C-alpha cells in the first residue's frame, strides 16, 4: 500500500513514531500492518514475541 500524501506515513511505529519498513510492518505488525512497537522503542526479544503488533506496546502482557 502506498502512502497517501501528507506528513503521516503508513509505516511508522504507533508508539514512538519511528519509520519502519513495509516488510517490518508486514512481518511484525498486526493484520492491518500497524506497528505498536519497533526496535527503537522495545527490545528485539519483545518484537519477536509479538510486542510490535500488540496495542499494549510495552509488551508486558507478552512476558513468558
PDB file of N, CA and C in Angstrom:
ATOM      1  N   UNK A   1       0.841  -1.170   0.000  1.00  0.00           N
ATOM      2  CA  UNK A   1       0.000   0.000   0.000  1.00  0.00           C
ATOM      3  C   UNK A   1       0.889   1.236   0.000  1.00  0.00           C
ATOM      4  N   UNK A   2       0.532   2.203  -0.755  1.00  0.00           N
ATOM      5  CA  UNK A   2       1.313   3.419  -0.904  1.00  0.00           C
ATOM      6  C   UNK A   2       0.790   4.517   0.017  1.00  0.00           C
ATOM      7  N   UNK A   3       1.675   5.270   0.660  1.00  0.00           N
ATOM      8  CA  UNK A   3       1.212   6.368   1.498  1.00  0.00           C
ATOM      9  C   UNK A   3       0.408   7.377   0.678  1.00  0.00           C
ATOM     10  N   UNK A   4      -0.532   8.046   1.313  1.00  0.00           N
ATOM     11  CA  UNK A   4      -1.421   8.945   0.584  1.00  0.00           C
ATOM     12  C   UNK A   4      -1.152  10.397   0.928  1.00  0.00           C
ATOM     13  N   UNK A   5       0.044  10.868   0.697  1.00  0.00           N
ATOM     14  CA  UNK A   5       0.358  12.278   0.898  1.00  0.00           C
ATOM     15  C   UNK A   5       0.346  12.694   2.349  1.00  0.00           C
ATOM     16  N   UNK A   6       0.520  13.981   2.586  1.00  0.00           N
ATOM     17  CA  UNK A   6       0.547  14.478   3.960  1.00  0.00           C
ATOM     18  C   UNK A   6       1.852  14.125   4.640  1.00  0.00           C
ATOM     19  N   UNK A   7       1.941  14.434   5.914  1.00  0.00           N
ATOM     20  CA  UNK A   7       3.174  14.185   6.640  1.00  0.00           C
ATOM     21  C   UNK A   7       3.173  12.842   7.357  1.00  0.00           C
ATOM     22  N   UNK A   8       2.021  12.202   7.444  1.00  0.00           N
ATOM     23  CA  UNK A   8       1.989  10.899   8.111  1.00  0.00           C
ATOM     24  C   UNK A   8       2.387   9.826   7.114  1.00  0.00           C
ATOM     25  N   UNK A   9       2.993   8.804   7.591  1.00  0.00           N
ATOM     26  CA  UNK A   9       3.440   7.701   6.760  1.00  0.00           C
ATOM     27  C   UNK A   9       2.834   6.434   7.318  1.00  0.00           C
ATOM     28  N   UNK A  10       2.331   5.591   6.463  1.00  0.00           N
ATOM     29  CA  UNK A  10       1.678   4.362   6.903  1.00  0.00           C
ATOM     30  C   UNK A  10       2.608   3.516   7.757  1.00  0.00           C
ATOM     31  N   UNK A  11       3.861   3.501   7.431  1.00  0.00           N
ATOM     32  CA  UNK A  11       4.787   2.604   8.106  1.00  0.00           C
ATOM     33  C   UNK A  11       5.584   3.345   9.170  1.00  0.00           C
ATOM     34  N   UNK A  12       4.890   3.702  10.218  1.00  0.00           N
ATOM     35  CA  UNK A  12       5.511   4.320  11.381  1.00  0.00           C
ATOM     36  C   UNK A  12       5.051   3.583  12.624  1.00  0.00           C
ATOM     37  N   UNK A  13       5.929   3.528  13.592  1.00  0.00           N
ATOM     38  CA  UNK A  13       5.601   2.926  14.877  1.00  0.00           C
ATOM     39  C   UNK A  13       4.558   3.798  15.564  1.00  0.00           C
ATOM     40  N   UNK A  14       3.465   3.192  16.017  1.00  0.00           N
ATOM     41  CA  UNK A  14       2.404   3.943  16.693  1.00  0.00           C
ATOM     42  C   UNK A  14       2.806   4.310  18.120  1.00  0.00           C
ATOM     43  N   UNK A  15       3.878   3.726  18.626  1.00  0.00           N
ATOM     44  CA  UNK A  15       4.330   4.016  19.975  1.00  0.00           C
ATOM     45  C   UNK A  15       5.294   5.205  19.991  1.00  0.00           C
ATOM     46  N   UNK A  16       6.322   5.190  19.126  1.00  0.00           N
ATOM     47  CA  UNK A  16       7.342   6.238  19.173  1.00  0.00           C
ATOM     48  C   UNK A  16       7.405   7.092  17.916  1.00  0.00           C
ATOM     49  N   UNK A  17       6.732   6.682  16.843  1.00  0.00           N
ATOM     50  CA  UNK A  17       6.713   7.475  15.621  1.00  0.00           C
ATOM     51  C   UNK A  17       7.853   7.208  14.657  1.00  0.00           C
ATOM     52  N   UNK A  18       8.728   6.280  14.994  1.00  0.00           N
ATOM     53  CA  UNK A  18       9.852   5.976  14.106  1.00  0.00           C
ATOM     54  C   UNK A  18       9.385   5.293  12.830  1.00  0.00           C
ATOM     55  N   UNK A  19      10.107   5.549  11.744  1.00  0.00           N
ATOM     56  CA  UNK A  19       9.825   4.884  10.483  1.00  0.00           C
ATOM     57  C   UNK A  19      10.143   3.403  10.600  1.00  0.00           C
ATOM     58  N   UNK A  20       9.288   2.564  10.052  1.00  0.00           N
ATOM     59  CA  UNK A  20       9.579   1.134   9.913  1.00  0.00           C
ATOM     60  C   UNK A  20       9.328   0.766   8.456  1.00  0.00           C
ATOM     61  N   UNK A  21      10.022  -0.222   7.982  1.00  0.00           N
ATOM     62  CA  UNK A  21       9.848  -0.626   6.589  1.00  0.00           C
ATOM     63  C   UNK A  21       8.525  -1.360   6.407  1.00  0.00           C
ATOM     64  N   UNK A  22       8.099  -1.410   5.175  1.00  0.00           N
ATOM     65  CA  UNK A  22       6.870  -2.139   4.842  1.00  0.00           C
ATOM     66  C   UNK A  22       7.017  -3.603   5.242  1.00  0.00           C
ATOM     67  N   UNK A  23       8.202  -4.168   5.032  1.00  0.00           N
ATOM     68  CA  UNK A  23       8.446  -5.566   5.384  1.00  0.00           C
ATOM     69  C   UNK A  23       8.365  -5.780   6.891  1.00  0.00           C
ATOM     70  N   UNK A  24       8.920  -4.847   7.664  1.00  0.00           N
ATOM     71  CA  UNK A  24       8.832  -4.948   9.123  1.00  0.00           C
ATOM     72  C   UNK A  24       7.372  -4.936   9.555  1.00  0.00           C
ATOM     73  N   UNK A  25       6.586  -4.020   8.986  1.00  0.00           N
ATOM     74  CA  UNK A  25       5.168  -3.930   9.329  1.00  0.00           C
ATOM     75  C   UNK A  25       4.419  -5.195   8.928  1.00  0.00           C
ATOM     76  N   UNK A  26       4.763  -5.755   7.789  1.00  0.00           N
ATOM     77  CA  UNK A  26       4.093  -6.977   7.319  1.00  0.00           C
ATOM     78  C   UNK A  26       4.415  -8.158   8.216  1.00  0.00           C
ATOM     79  N   UNK A  27       5.674  -8.272   8.626  1.00  0.00           N
ATOM     80  CA  UNK A  27       6.098  -9.425   9.420  1.00  0.00           C
ATOM     81  C   UNK A  27       5.747  -9.274  10.896  1.00  0.00           C
ATOM     82  N   UNK A  28       5.999  -8.108  11.464  1.00  0.00           N
ATOM     83  CA  UNK A  28       5.857  -7.938  12.913  1.00  0.00           C
ATOM     84  C   UNK A  28       4.603  -7.176  13.331  1.00  0.00           C
ATOM     85  N   UNK A  29       3.922  -6.523  12.399  1.00  0.00           N
ATOM     86  CA  UNK A  29       2.729  -5.751  12.729  1.00  0.00           C
ATOM     87  C   UNK A  29       1.490  -6.624  12.828  1.00  0.00           C
ATOM     88  N   UNK A  30       0.354  -5.969  13.070  1.00  0.00           N
ATOM     89  CA  UNK A  30      -0.901  -6.711  13.147  1.00  0.00           C
ATOM     90  C   UNK A  30      -1.438  -6.995  11.744  1.00  0.00           C
ATOM     91  N   UNK A  31      -2.659  -7.488  11.649  1.00  0.00           N
ATOM     92  CA  UNK A  31      -3.224  -7.855  10.342  1.00  0.00           C
ATOM     93  C   UNK A  31      -3.423  -6.669   9.412  1.00  0.00           C
ATOM     94  N   UNK A  32      -3.407  -5.457   9.952  1.00  0.00           N
ATOM     95  CA  UNK A  32      -3.537  -4.243   9.144  1.00  0.00           C
ATOM     96  C   UNK A  32      -2.184  -3.579   8.919  1.00  0.00           C
ATOM     97  N   UNK A  33      -1.093  -4.291   9.203  1.00  0.00           N
ATOM     98  CA  UNK A  33       0.279  -3.783   9.090  1.00  0.00           C
ATOM     99  C   UNK A  33       0.530  -2.568   9.980  1.00  0.00           C
ATOM    100  N   UNK A  34      -0.182  -2.484  11.099  1.00  0.00           N
ATOM    101  CA  UNK A  34       0.072  -1.434  12.077  1.00  0.00           C
ATOM    102  C   UNK A  34       1.115  -1.951  13.055  1.00  0.00           C
ATOM    103  N   UNK A  35       2.047  -1.090  13.409  1.00  0.00           N
ATOM    104  CA  UNK A  35       3.136  -1.461  14.312  1.00  0.00           C
ATOM    105  C   UNK A  35       3.020  -0.620  15.576  1.00  0.00           C
ATOM    106  N   UNK A  36       2.943  -1.267  16.724  1.00  0.00           N
ATOM    107  CA  UNK A  36       2.790  -0.586  18.006  1.00  0.00           C
ATOM    108  C   UNK A  36       4.064  -0.653  18.838  1.00  0.00           C
ATOM    109  N   UNK A  37       5.160  -1.018  18.234  1.00  0.00           N
ATOM    110  CA  UNK A  37       6.465  -1.060  18.865  1.00  0.00           C
ATOM    111  C   UNK A  37       7.488  -1.416  17.812  1.00  0.00           C
ATOM    112  N   UNK A  38       8.693  -0.894  17.944  1.00  0.00           N
ATOM    113  CA  UNK A  38       9.735  -1.166  16.954  1.00  0.00           C
ATOM    114  C   UNK A  38      11.070  -1.326  17.678  1.00  0.00           C
ATOM    115  N   UNK A  39      12.125  -1.521  16.925  1.00  0.00           N
ATOM    116  CA  UNK A  39      13.436  -1.727  17.528  1.00  0.00           C
ATOM    117  C   UNK A  39      13.996  -0.455  18.158  1.00  0.00           C
ATOM    118  N   UNK A  40      13.371   0.683  17.883  1.00  0.00           N
ATOM    119  CA  UNK A  40      13.792   1.918  18.539  1.00  0.00           C
ATOM    120  C   UNK A  40      13.186   2.075  19.928  1.00  0.00           C
ATOM    121  N   UNK A  41      12.053   1.423  20.183  1.00  0.00           N
ATOM    122  CA  UNK A  41      11.386   1.645  21.470  1.00  0.00           C
ATOM    123  C   UNK A  41      11.137   0.364  22.264  1.00  0.00           C
ATOM    124  N   UNK A  42      11.538  -0.786  21.749  1.00  0.00           N
ATOM    125  CA  UNK A  42      11.421  -2.023  22.526  1.00  0.00           C
ATOM    126  C   UNK A  42      12.537  -2.980  22.117  1.00  0.00           C
ATOM    127  N   UNK A  43      12.770  -3.952  22.941  1.00  0.00           N
ATOM    128  CA  UNK A  43      13.853  -4.892  22.672  1.00  0.00           C
ATOM    129  C   UNK A  43      13.489  -5.819  21.516  1.00  0.00           C
ATOM    130  N   UNK A  44      14.512  -6.365  20.884  1.00  0.00           N
ATOM    131  CA  UNK A  44      14.300  -7.304  19.787  1.00  0.00           C
ATOM    132  C   UNK A  44      13.532  -8.536  20.266  1.00  0.00           C
ATOM    133  N   UNK A  45      13.769  -8.943  21.495  1.00  0.00           N
ATOM    134  CA  UNK A  45      13.049 -10.100  22.046  1.00  0.00           C
ATOM    135  C   UNK A  45      11.557  -9.826  22.121  1.00  0.00           C
ATOM    136  N   UNK A  46      11.173  -8.644  22.598  1.00  0.00           N
ATOM    137  CA  UNK A  46       9.753  -8.296  22.678  1.00  0.00           C
ATOM    138  C   UNK A  46       9.132  -8.209  21.287  1.00  0.00           C
ATOM    139  N   UNK A  47       9.872  -7.653  20.331  1.00  0.00           N
ATOM    140  CA  UNK A  47       9.363  -7.588  18.951  1.00  0.00           C
ATOM    141  C   UNK A  47       9.128  -8.998  18.430  1.00  0.00           C
ATOM    142  N   UNK A  48      10.116  -9.883  18.613  1.00  0.00           N
ATOM    143  CA  UNK A  48       9.986 -11.269  18.131  1.00  0.00           C
ATOM    144  C   UNK A  48       8.846 -12.001  18.808  1.00  0.00           C
ATOM    145  N   UNK A  49       8.535 -11.662  20.053  1.00  0.00           N
ATOM    146  CA  UNK A  49       7.468 -12.341  20.793  1.00  0.00           C
ATOM    147  C   UNK A  49       6.098 -11.700  20.583  1.00  0.00           C
ATOM    148  N   UNK A  50       5.985 -10.808  19.618  1.00  0.00           N
ATOM    149  CA  UNK A  50       4.687 -10.246  19.267  1.00  0.00           C
ATOM    150  C   UNK A  50       4.400  -8.872  19.817  1.00  0.00           C
ATOM    151  N   UNK A  51       5.344  -8.247  20.477  1.00  0.00           N
ATOM    152  CA  UNK A  51       5.113  -6.943  21.078  1.00  0.00           C
ATOM    153  C   UNK A  51       4.816  -5.843  20.084  1.00  0.00           C
ATOM    154  N   UNK A  52       5.316  -5.960  18.861  1.00  0.00           N
ATOM    155  CA  UNK A  52       5.112  -4.908  17.861  1.00  0.00           C
ATOM    156  C   UNK A  52       3.678  -4.876  17.360  1.00  0.00           C
ATOM    157  N   UNK A  53       2.959  -5.977  17.471  1.00  0.00           N
ATOM    158  CA  UNK A  53       1.581  -5.985  16.979  1.00  0.00           C
ATOM    159  C   UNK A  53       0.559  -5.760  18.087  1.00  0.00           C
ATOM    160  N   UNK A  54       1.030  -5.749  19.320  1.00  0.00           N
ATOM    161  CA  UNK A  54       0.122  -5.550  20.452  1.00  0.00           C
ATOM    162  C   UNK A  54      -0.085  -4.063  20.697  1.00  0.00           C
ATOM    163  N   UNK A  55      -1.331  -3.647  20.872  1.00  0.00           N
ATOM    164  CA  UNK A  55      -1.596  -2.247  21.146  1.00  0.00           C
ATOM    165  C   UNK A  55      -1.032  -1.820  22.489  1.00  0.00           C
ATOM    166  N   UNK A  56      -0.805  -2.770  23.375  1.00  0.00           N
ATOM    167  CA  UNK A  56      -0.114  -2.511  24.635  1.00  0.00           C
ATOM    168  C   UNK A  56       1.387  -2.610  24.319  1.00  0.00           C
ATOM    169  N   UNK A  57       1.956  -1.529  23.807  1.00  0.00           N
ATOM    170  CA  UNK A  57       3.284  -1.550  23.207  1.00  0.00           C
ATOM    171  C   UNK A  57       4.412  -1.896  24.164  1.00  0.00           C
ATOM    172  N   UNK A  58       4.203  -1.809  25.464  1.00  0.00           N
ATOM    173  CA  UNK A  58       5.304  -2.163  26.347  1.00  0.00           C
ATOM    174  C   UNK A  58       5.553  -3.662  26.398  1.00  0.00           C
ATOM    175  N   UNK A  59       4.623  -4.455  25.868  1.00  0.00           N
ATOM    176  CA  UNK A  59       4.821  -5.889  25.790  1.00  0.00           C
ATOM    177  C   UNK A  59       4.676  -6.618  27.103  1.00  0.00           C
ATOM    178  N   UNK A  60       4.244  -5.938  28.156  1.00  0.00           N
ATOM    179  CA  UNK A  60       4.184  -6.575  29.474  1.00  0.00           C
ATOM    180  C   UNK A  60       3.230  -7.757  29.487  1.00  0.00           C
ATOM    181  N   UNK A  61       2.192  -7.713  28.695  1.00  0.00           N
ATOM    182  CA  UNK A  61       1.244  -8.844  28.682  1.00  0.00           C
ATOM    183  C   UNK A  61       1.802 -10.018  27.896  1.00  0.00           C
ATOM    184  N   UNK A  62       2.950  -9.824  27.262  1.00  0.00           N
ATOM    185  CA  UNK A  62       3.525 -10.885  26.445  1.00  0.00           C
ATOM    186  C   UNK A  62       4.683 -11.592  27.145  1.00  0.00           C
ATOM    187  N   UNK A  63       4.954 -11.241  28.381  1.00  0.00           N
ATOM    188  CA  UNK A  63       6.049 -11.862  29.116  1.00  0.00           C
ATOM    189  C   UNK A  63       5.796 -13.363  29.249  1.00  0.00           C
ATOM    190  N   UNK A  64       6.858 -14.119  29.138  1.00  0.00           N
ATOM    191  CA  UNK A  64       6.742 -15.588  29.233  1.00  0.00           C
ATOM    192  C   UNK A  64       7.479 -16.101  30.423  1.00  0.00           C
TER     193      UNK A  64
END
